[in-house]
Amino acid sequence: MTAEPWWRALPAAETWVPCGDGSHPVRWADGQLTLPAHGDAEAEAVLAALGGEKAACLEVAEAWHRHSADLAVLGVGPRAPGEVAVSWDEVREFRENRLGGRFVRRRPGGGMVGSAGPALAGGRGQVGSRPMIRAGSVWSGGGVGGVAPSPELEQLRAERLGLLILLALGPAFHLALTGTVAASFGPGGTRAAEVPDHRPELEAYLSGRLALTAEAWLGVDPNLVDVRLPPDADGGGGGEKLELAGPAAEPQLQATLPVTWLATVWAPGLALVGRHLVVAVEQAAYPEATVRAVPAPGREPVRLTVRATDGGSPHDWAHWEITDHEEGGTT
């Protein structure tokens, strides 16, 4: 891994947010979220704090800032684009206490694909063959028998609302937010020093996201994918390993990957390119990148030059193709 910004392999993203009497654009590029329709967002925030109405776009920016280093994001976020579906109507209904607080946080358990785990509250649906997290109703947040909810419940509801707002931004923003949070645990990140304290959760979230890639790469059972952080546990690159263990009929993929793999490799959709599993990005400037990848578990990494051919889709990752192979041969 180089000291390049983690987001160099990600395309810019834009979506439209219901705001006031219309809709406004929200953009993400070069690691930053911006509000083009709000030229002086800081002044608007001050007015809202003094009792004025807060623009919905400002709520988006505040939620992004509040959760940009929040480990919970890796729990509720997708393992593949399109896995999480939250609409602005559901956000509005939650805000009005008609929908309550229902969406699922997967349990951080060893890549258990399809496992709902302990919920922030609620249910799980399906999009095709992939699990989908959606909004639902379990808790209205309005107290019981006319009794006002406690400050703790109010805070929990506010956190749920913020996460629902971020999920409503759509797949491209889900990937960017996941990368932002993962990078915060990498070298120089705001939470880098906490990596040893959160090793089990980080390893589980890595396992869950590598699992679907490993299934496509090798056909292994996603539940038999186990990722560990490097022994130094500093969240950075180096020391990546991929090995198969166990019986041939039911092999287990054992991997060692840094948490920054989620930001630099997984978020841009670079995990699997031309039947090679990418372990690190050496250089990138979307739509091109130079990566280190392995053709099979136990093999030494090779250097590939890749290019995104149809990126920017709001429903999927960019499609990356190999344009140069360091050691030649067919790919």
Protein backbone atom coordinates (compact mmCIF):
# COMPACT_ATOMS: atom_id res chain seq x y z
CA MET A 1 0.00 0.00 0.00
CA THR A 2 1.13 3.50 -0.73
CA ALA A 3 0.38 6.72 1.12
CA GLU A 4 -2.05 7.70 -1.67
CA PRO A 5 -5.55 8.71 -0.57
CA TRP A 6 -7.70 5.63 -0.15
CA TRP A 7 -10.44 6.95 -2.41
CA ARG A 8 -8.35 7.30 -5.58
CA ALA A 9 -9.97 4.24 -7.22
CA LEU A 10 -13.54 5.37 -6.51
CA PRO A 11 -15.60 7.41 -8.99
CA ALA A 12 -17.48 10.52 -7.91
CA ALA A 13 -21.11 9.99 -6.89
CA GLU A 14 -24.21 12.18 -6.93
CA THR A 15 -27.76 11.72 -5.70
CA TRP A 16 -30.79 13.93 -5.10
CA VAL A 17 -32.26 14.50 -1.66
CA PRO A 18 -35.76 15.81 -0.83
CA CYS A 19 -35.05 19.25 0.63
CA GLY A 20 -37.54 22.03 1.23
CA ASP A 21 -40.12 22.13 -1.56
CA GLY A 22 -37.93 20.30 -4.04
CA SER A 23 -34.83 18.13 -4.38
CA HIS A 24 -31.19 19.10 -4.10
CA PRO A 25 -28.03 17.31 -5.24
CA VAL A 26 -25.60 15.78 -2.79
CA ARG A 27 -22.18 14.90 -4.15
CA TRP A 28 -19.22 12.83 -3.00
CA ALA A 29 -15.81 13.09 -4.66
CA ASP A 30 -12.17 12.93 -3.57
CA GLY A 31 -13.19 11.78 -0.11
CA GLN A 32 -15.49 14.75 0.54
CA LEU A 33 -19.27 15.16 0.75
CA THR A 34 -20.57 18.47 -0.64
CA LEU A 35 -23.94 20.25 -0.88
CA PRO A 36 -23.95 22.23 -4.17
CA ALA A 37 -27.35 23.82 -3.49
CA HIS A 38 -26.26 25.26 -0.14
CA GLY A 39 -23.57 27.85 -0.73
CA ASP A 40 -23.26 28.79 2.94
CA ALA A 41 -24.18 25.61 4.78
CA GLU A 42 -22.39 26.77 7.93
CA ALA A 43 -24.56 29.89 8.20
CA GLU A 44 -27.69 27.79 7.61
CA ALA A 45 -26.63 25.45 10.40
CA VAL A 46 -26.23 28.40 12.78
CA LEU A 47 -29.72 29.67 11.93
CA ALA A 48 -31.16 26.18 12.47
CA ALA A 49 -29.44 25.99 15.86
CA LEU A 50 -31.14 29.27 16.79
CA GLY A 51 -34.56 27.80 16.12
CA GLY A 52 -34.92 27.92 12.37
CA GLU A 53 -35.87 24.95 10.21
CA LYS A 54 -32.94 22.73 9.31
CA ALA A 55 -32.58 21.85 5.65
CA ALA A 56 -32.65 18.13 4.88
CA CYS A 57 -29.34 18.43 3.03
CA LEU A 58 -27.73 19.72 6.22
CA GLU A 59 -29.06 16.69 8.07
CA VAL A 60 -27.34 14.50 5.47
CA ALA A 61 -24.02 16.31 5.94
CA GLU A 62 -24.30 16.16 9.73
CA ALA A 63 -25.10 12.44 9.65
CA TRP A 64 -22.15 11.80 7.34
CA HIS A 65 -19.80 13.68 9.64
CA ARG A 66 -21.18 11.99 12.75
CA HIS A 67 -20.83 8.47 11.33
CA SER A 68 -17.71 8.82 9.17
CA ALA A 69 -15.66 6.95 11.79
CA ASP A 70 -18.51 4.92 13.29
CA LEU A 71 -17.79 1.19 13.43
CA ALA A 72 -21.55 0.53 13.42
CA VAL A 73 -21.60 1.59 9.76
CA LEU A 74 -19.65 -1.56 8.87
CA GLY A 75 -22.34 -3.56 10.63
CA VAL A 76 -25.37 -2.05 8.87
CA GLY A 77 -23.64 -1.35 5.56
CA PRO A 78 -23.81 -3.65 2.52
CA ARG A 79 -21.55 -6.54 1.60
CA ALA A 80 -22.39 -5.84 -2.05
CA PRO A 81 -24.02 -2.87 -3.83
CA GLY A 82 -27.80 -2.99 -3.74
CA GLU A 83 -27.94 -5.17 -0.62
CA VAL A 84 -29.35 -2.32 1.47
CA ALA A 85 -32.54 -0.56 0.42
CA VAL A 86 -33.97 2.43 2.30
CA SER A 87 -36.22 5.01 0.63
CA TRP A 88 -36.71 8.67 1.50
CA ASP A 89 -40.37 7.85 2.19
CA GLU A 90 -39.22 5.44 4.89
CA VAL A 91 -36.93 8.09 6.34
CA ARG A 92 -39.87 10.51 6.45
CA GLU A 93 -42.13 7.92 8.07
CA PHE A 94 -39.47 7.14 10.66
CA ARG A 95 -39.15 10.83 11.42
CA GLU A 96 -42.91 11.09 11.88
CA ASN A 97 -42.92 8.08 14.23
CA ARG A 98 -45.14 6.07 11.90
CA LEU A 99 -42.47 3.58 10.89
CA GLY A 100 -40.47 3.35 14.06
CA GLY A 101 -36.90 2.15 14.11
CA ARG A 102 -36.60 -1.00 12.16
CA PHE A 103 -33.56 -1.95 10.26
CA VAL A 104 -31.08 -4.68 10.88
CA ARG A 105 -27.49 -4.57 12.00
CA ARG A 106 -25.82 -7.85 11.10
CA ARG A 107 -24.02 -9.57 13.88
CA PRO A 108 -20.24 -9.39 13.39
CA GLY A 109 -19.85 -13.16 13.10
CA GLY A 110 -17.24 -14.79 10.88
CA GLY A 111 -18.70 -14.01 7.48
CA MET A 112 -22.07 -15.60 8.14
CA VAL A 113 -23.71 -14.56 4.88
CA GLY A 114 -27.44 -14.04 5.23
CA SER A 115 -27.39 -13.88 9.02
CA ALA A 116 -29.47 -11.07 10.44
CA GLY A 117 -27.90 -11.15 13.88
CA PRO A 118 -28.92 -8.78 16.67
CA ALA A 119 -31.06 -6.02 15.30
CA LEU A 120 -31.16 -2.35 15.91
CA ALA A 121 -34.71 -3.53 15.43
CA GLY A 122 -36.51 -5.46 12.83
CA GLY A 123 -36.63 -7.58 9.74
CA ARG A 124 -34.78 -8.68 6.66
CA GLY A 125 -35.96 -9.17 3.11
CA GLN A 126 -34.43 -10.44 -0.11
CA VAL A 127 -33.27 -8.84 -3.35
CA GLY A 128 -32.96 -11.76 -5.74
CA SER A 129 -30.66 -14.18 -3.95
CA ARG A 130 -28.99 -11.49 -1.85
CA PRO A 131 -30.05 -10.42 1.62
CA MET A 132 -31.48 -6.92 1.78
CA ILE A 133 -31.70 -4.66 4.79
CA ARG A 134 -34.84 -2.55 4.69
CA ALA A 135 -36.84 -0.28 6.92
CA GLY A 136 -39.69 -1.68 9.01
CA SER A 137 -41.59 -1.13 12.24
CA VAL A 138 -40.80 -2.30 15.73
CA TRP A 139 -40.35 0.75 17.89
CA SER A 140 -42.10 4.09 17.44
CA GLY A 141 -39.85 5.96 19.83
CA GLY A 142 -42.84 7.81 21.21
CA GLY A 143 -42.90 6.47 24.74
CA VAL A 144 -45.47 4.19 26.31
CA GLY A 145 -48.86 5.25 27.67
CA GLY A 146 -48.15 8.93 27.02
CA VAL A 147 -44.85 8.83 28.90
CA ALA A 148 -42.07 10.59 27.04
CA PRO A 149 -39.11 8.41 26.00
CA SER A 150 -35.95 8.66 28.04
CA PRO A 151 -32.97 10.72 26.83
CA GLU A 152 -31.19 7.45 26.05
CA LEU A 153 -34.03 6.32 23.78
CA GLU A 154 -34.13 9.72 22.12
CA GLN A 155 -30.41 9.49 21.43
CA LEU A 156 -30.76 5.97 20.05
CA ARG A 157 -33.58 7.11 17.81
CA ALA A 158 -31.47 10.03 16.55
CA GLU A 159 -28.65 7.64 15.75
CA ARG A 160 -31.02 5.35 13.87
CA LEU A 161 -32.41 8.28 11.94
CA GLY A 162 -28.91 9.40 10.95
CA LEU A 163 -28.01 5.92 9.71
CA LEU A 164 -31.30 5.62 7.79
CA ILE A 165 -30.59 8.97 6.11
CA LEU A 166 -27.16 7.73 5.02
CA LEU A 167 -28.59 4.43 3.78
CA ALA A 168 -31.18 6.33 1.73
CA LEU A 169 -28.38 7.97 -0.27
CA GLY A 170 -27.98 4.77 -2.28
CA PRO A 171 -25.33 2.18 -3.20
CA ALA A 172 -22.58 4.50 -4.45
CA PHE A 173 -22.65 6.42 -1.18
CA HIS A 174 -22.80 3.18 0.83
CA LEU A 175 -19.47 2.18 -0.71
CA ALA A 176 -17.92 5.60 -0.14
CA LEU A 177 -19.08 5.66 3.49
CA THR A 178 -17.78 2.14 4.13
CA GLY A 179 -14.42 3.20 2.74
CA THR A 180 -14.43 6.35 4.86
CA VAL A 181 -15.06 4.39 8.06
CA ALA A 182 -12.52 1.66 7.22
CA ALA A 183 -9.88 4.29 6.43
CA SER A 184 -10.44 5.88 9.84
CA PHE A 185 -9.03 2.67 11.36
CA GLY A 186 -6.03 2.66 9.00
CA PRO A 187 -2.61 4.29 9.51
CA GLY A 188 -3.08 7.99 10.22
CA GLY A 189 -6.82 7.55 10.71
CA THR A 190 -8.72 9.06 13.59
CA ARG A 191 -9.32 5.63 15.17
CA ALA A 192 -6.09 3.85 14.19
CA ALA A 193 -5.01 3.48 17.80
CA GLU A 194 -8.24 1.60 18.58
CA VAL A 195 -7.67 -1.25 16.10
CA PRO A 196 -6.45 -3.72 18.78
CA ASP A 197 -9.55 -3.00 20.87
CA HIS A 198 -11.88 -3.72 17.94
CA ARG A 199 -10.03 -6.61 16.32
CA PRO A 200 -12.96 -9.12 16.55
CA GLU A 201 -15.47 -6.76 14.93
CA LEU A 202 -13.07 -5.60 12.22
CA GLU A 203 -12.11 -9.17 11.35
CA ALA A 204 -15.78 -10.16 11.18
CA TYR A 205 -16.65 -7.28 8.87
CA LEU A 206 -13.68 -8.12 6.64
CA SER A 207 -14.78 -11.77 6.56
CA GLY A 208 -18.34 -10.89 5.63
CA ARG A 209 -17.26 -8.82 2.66
CA LEU A 210 -14.54 -11.16 1.43
CA ALA A 211 -16.98 -14.09 1.68
CA LEU A 212 -19.08 -13.17 -1.36
CA THR A 213 -15.96 -12.46 -3.41
CA ALA A 214 -14.42 -15.78 -2.37
CA GLU A 215 -17.55 -17.63 -3.42
CA ALA A 216 -17.34 -16.10 -6.90
CA TRP A 217 -13.57 -16.63 -7.06
CA LEU A 218 -13.24 -20.22 -5.82
CA GLY A 219 -16.75 -21.48 -5.22
CA VAL A 220 -16.05 -21.87 -1.49
CA ASP A 221 -18.84 -21.76 1.05
CA PRO A 222 -19.07 -18.10 2.19
CA ASN A 223 -19.51 -19.34 5.76
CA LEU A 224 -16.05 -20.90 5.58
CA VAL A 225 -14.18 -17.66 4.93
CA ASP A 226 -12.14 -16.39 7.85
CA VAL A 227 -10.15 -13.15 7.75
CA ARG A 228 -7.62 -12.05 10.35
CA LEU A 229 -5.85 -8.74 10.70
CA PRO A 230 -2.06 -8.74 10.38
CA PRO A 231 -0.32 -9.49 13.70
CA ASP A 232 0.83 -5.90 14.16
CA ALA A 233 -2.86 -4.86 14.03
CA ASP A 234 -2.07 -1.32 12.95
CA GLY A 235 -4.77 -1.40 10.30
CA GLY A 236 -2.28 -0.81 7.48
CA GLY A 237 -1.09 -2.82 4.50
CA GLY A 238 1.50 -5.55 4.18
CA GLY A 239 1.50 -9.20 5.21
CA GLU A 240 -1.52 -10.18 3.11
CA LYS A 241 -2.08 -13.95 2.87
CA LEU A 242 -4.68 -16.23 1.29
CA GLU A 243 -4.63 -19.99 1.95
CA LEU A 244 -7.02 -22.92 1.63
CA ALA A 245 -7.32 -25.32 4.57
CA GLY A 246 -9.47 -28.28 5.50
CA PRO A 247 -10.85 -31.11 3.34
CA ALA A 248 -10.95 -30.67 -0.44
CA ALA A 249 -14.70 -31.25 -0.45
CA GLU A 250 -15.31 -28.34 1.93
CA PRO A 251 -12.25 -26.07 1.95
CA GLN A 252 -11.93 -23.07 4.21
CA LEU A 253 -10.36 -19.86 2.93
CA GLN A 254 -8.10 -18.34 5.55
CA ALA A 255 -6.93 -14.80 4.85
CA THR A 256 -4.83 -12.10 6.44
CA LEU A 257 -5.83 -8.64 5.27
CA PRO A 258 -5.58 -5.11 6.71
CA VAL A 259 -8.71 -3.17 7.53
CA THR A 260 -7.74 -0.69 4.80
CA TRP A 261 -8.51 -3.44 2.26
CA LEU A 262 -12.16 -2.48 2.72
CA ALA A 263 -11.43 1.11 1.69
CA THR A 264 -8.87 0.74 -1.08
CA VAL A 265 -9.92 -2.57 -2.65
CA TRP A 266 -13.45 -3.59 -1.67
CA ALA A 267 -15.21 -0.22 -1.85
CA PRO A 268 -14.15 0.47 -5.49
CA GLY A 269 -15.18 -3.05 -6.54
CA LEU A 270 -11.59 -4.15 -7.14
CA ALA A 271 -11.69 -7.31 -5.03
CA LEU A 272 -11.95 -9.70 -7.99
CA VAL A 273 -10.44 -8.80 -11.36
CA GLY A 274 -9.86 -11.29 -14.16
CA ARG A 275 -9.97 -14.31 -11.81
CA HIS A 276 -7.39 -12.66 -9.56
CA LEU A 277 -8.21 -11.64 -6.00
CA VAL A 278 -6.76 -8.20 -5.34
CA VAL A 279 -4.96 -7.82 -2.01
CA ALA A 280 -3.70 -4.24 -2.35
CA VAL A 281 -3.83 -1.13 -4.52
CA GLU A 282 -0.43 0.33 -5.24
CA GLN A 283 -1.48 3.31 -7.34
CA ALA A 284 -4.81 4.60 -8.56
CA ALA A 285 -6.43 7.47 -10.41
CA TYR A 286 -9.93 6.45 -11.40
CA PRO A 287 -10.62 4.86 -13.88
CA GLU A 288 -7.14 3.27 -13.78
CA ALA A 289 -5.23 1.48 -11.03
CA THR A 290 -2.18 -0.68 -10.40
CA VAL A 291 -2.89 -3.51 -8.00
CA ARG A 292 -1.29 -6.56 -6.40
CA ALA A 293 -3.40 -9.68 -6.86
CA VAL A 294 -3.17 -13.44 -6.49
CA PRO A 295 -4.42 -15.92 -9.12
CA ALA A 296 -4.98 -18.64 -6.49
CA PRO A 297 -4.59 -19.12 -2.72
CA GLY A 298 -0.98 -19.67 -1.72
CA ARG A 299 0.39 -18.10 -4.90
CA GLU A 300 2.62 -15.03 -4.85
CA PRO A 301 0.93 -11.74 -5.84
CA VAL A 302 1.44 -10.34 -9.33
CA ARG A 303 1.15 -6.74 -10.39
CA LEU A 304 -1.78 -5.88 -12.65
CA THR A 305 -2.80 -2.68 -14.37
CA VAL A 306 -6.58 -2.44 -14.50
CA ARG A 307 -9.15 -0.04 -15.89
CA ALA A 308 -12.82 0.57 -15.06
CA THR A 309 -14.89 0.25 -18.22
CA ASP A 310 -18.41 1.06 -17.07
CA GLY A 311 -18.14 2.56 -13.60
CA GLY A 312 -20.40 5.01 -11.91
CA SER A 313 -23.52 2.83 -12.01
CA PRO A 314 -25.70 3.64 -8.99
CA HIS A 315 -26.55 -0.06 -8.58
CA ASP A 316 -23.23 -1.82 -8.94
CA TRP A 317 -19.49 -1.53 -8.71
CA ALA A 318 -17.41 -0.43 -11.63
CA HIS A 319 -16.39 -3.28 -13.93
CA TRP A 320 -12.59 -3.56 -13.92
CA GLU A 321 -10.57 -5.21 -16.67
CA ILE A 322 -6.89 -6.13 -16.77
CA THR A 323 -4.93 -4.05 -19.28
CA ASP A 324 -1.42 -5.19 -18.35
CA HIS A 325 0.04 -8.15 -16.47
CA GLU A 326 3.49 -7.89 -14.93
CA GLU A 327 4.51 -11.46 -15.68
CA GLY A 328 2.83 -11.89 -19.04
CA GLY A 329 0.76 -14.93 -20.03
CA THR A 330 -2.95 -15.13 -20.50
CA THR A 331 -5.41 -13.81 -17.91
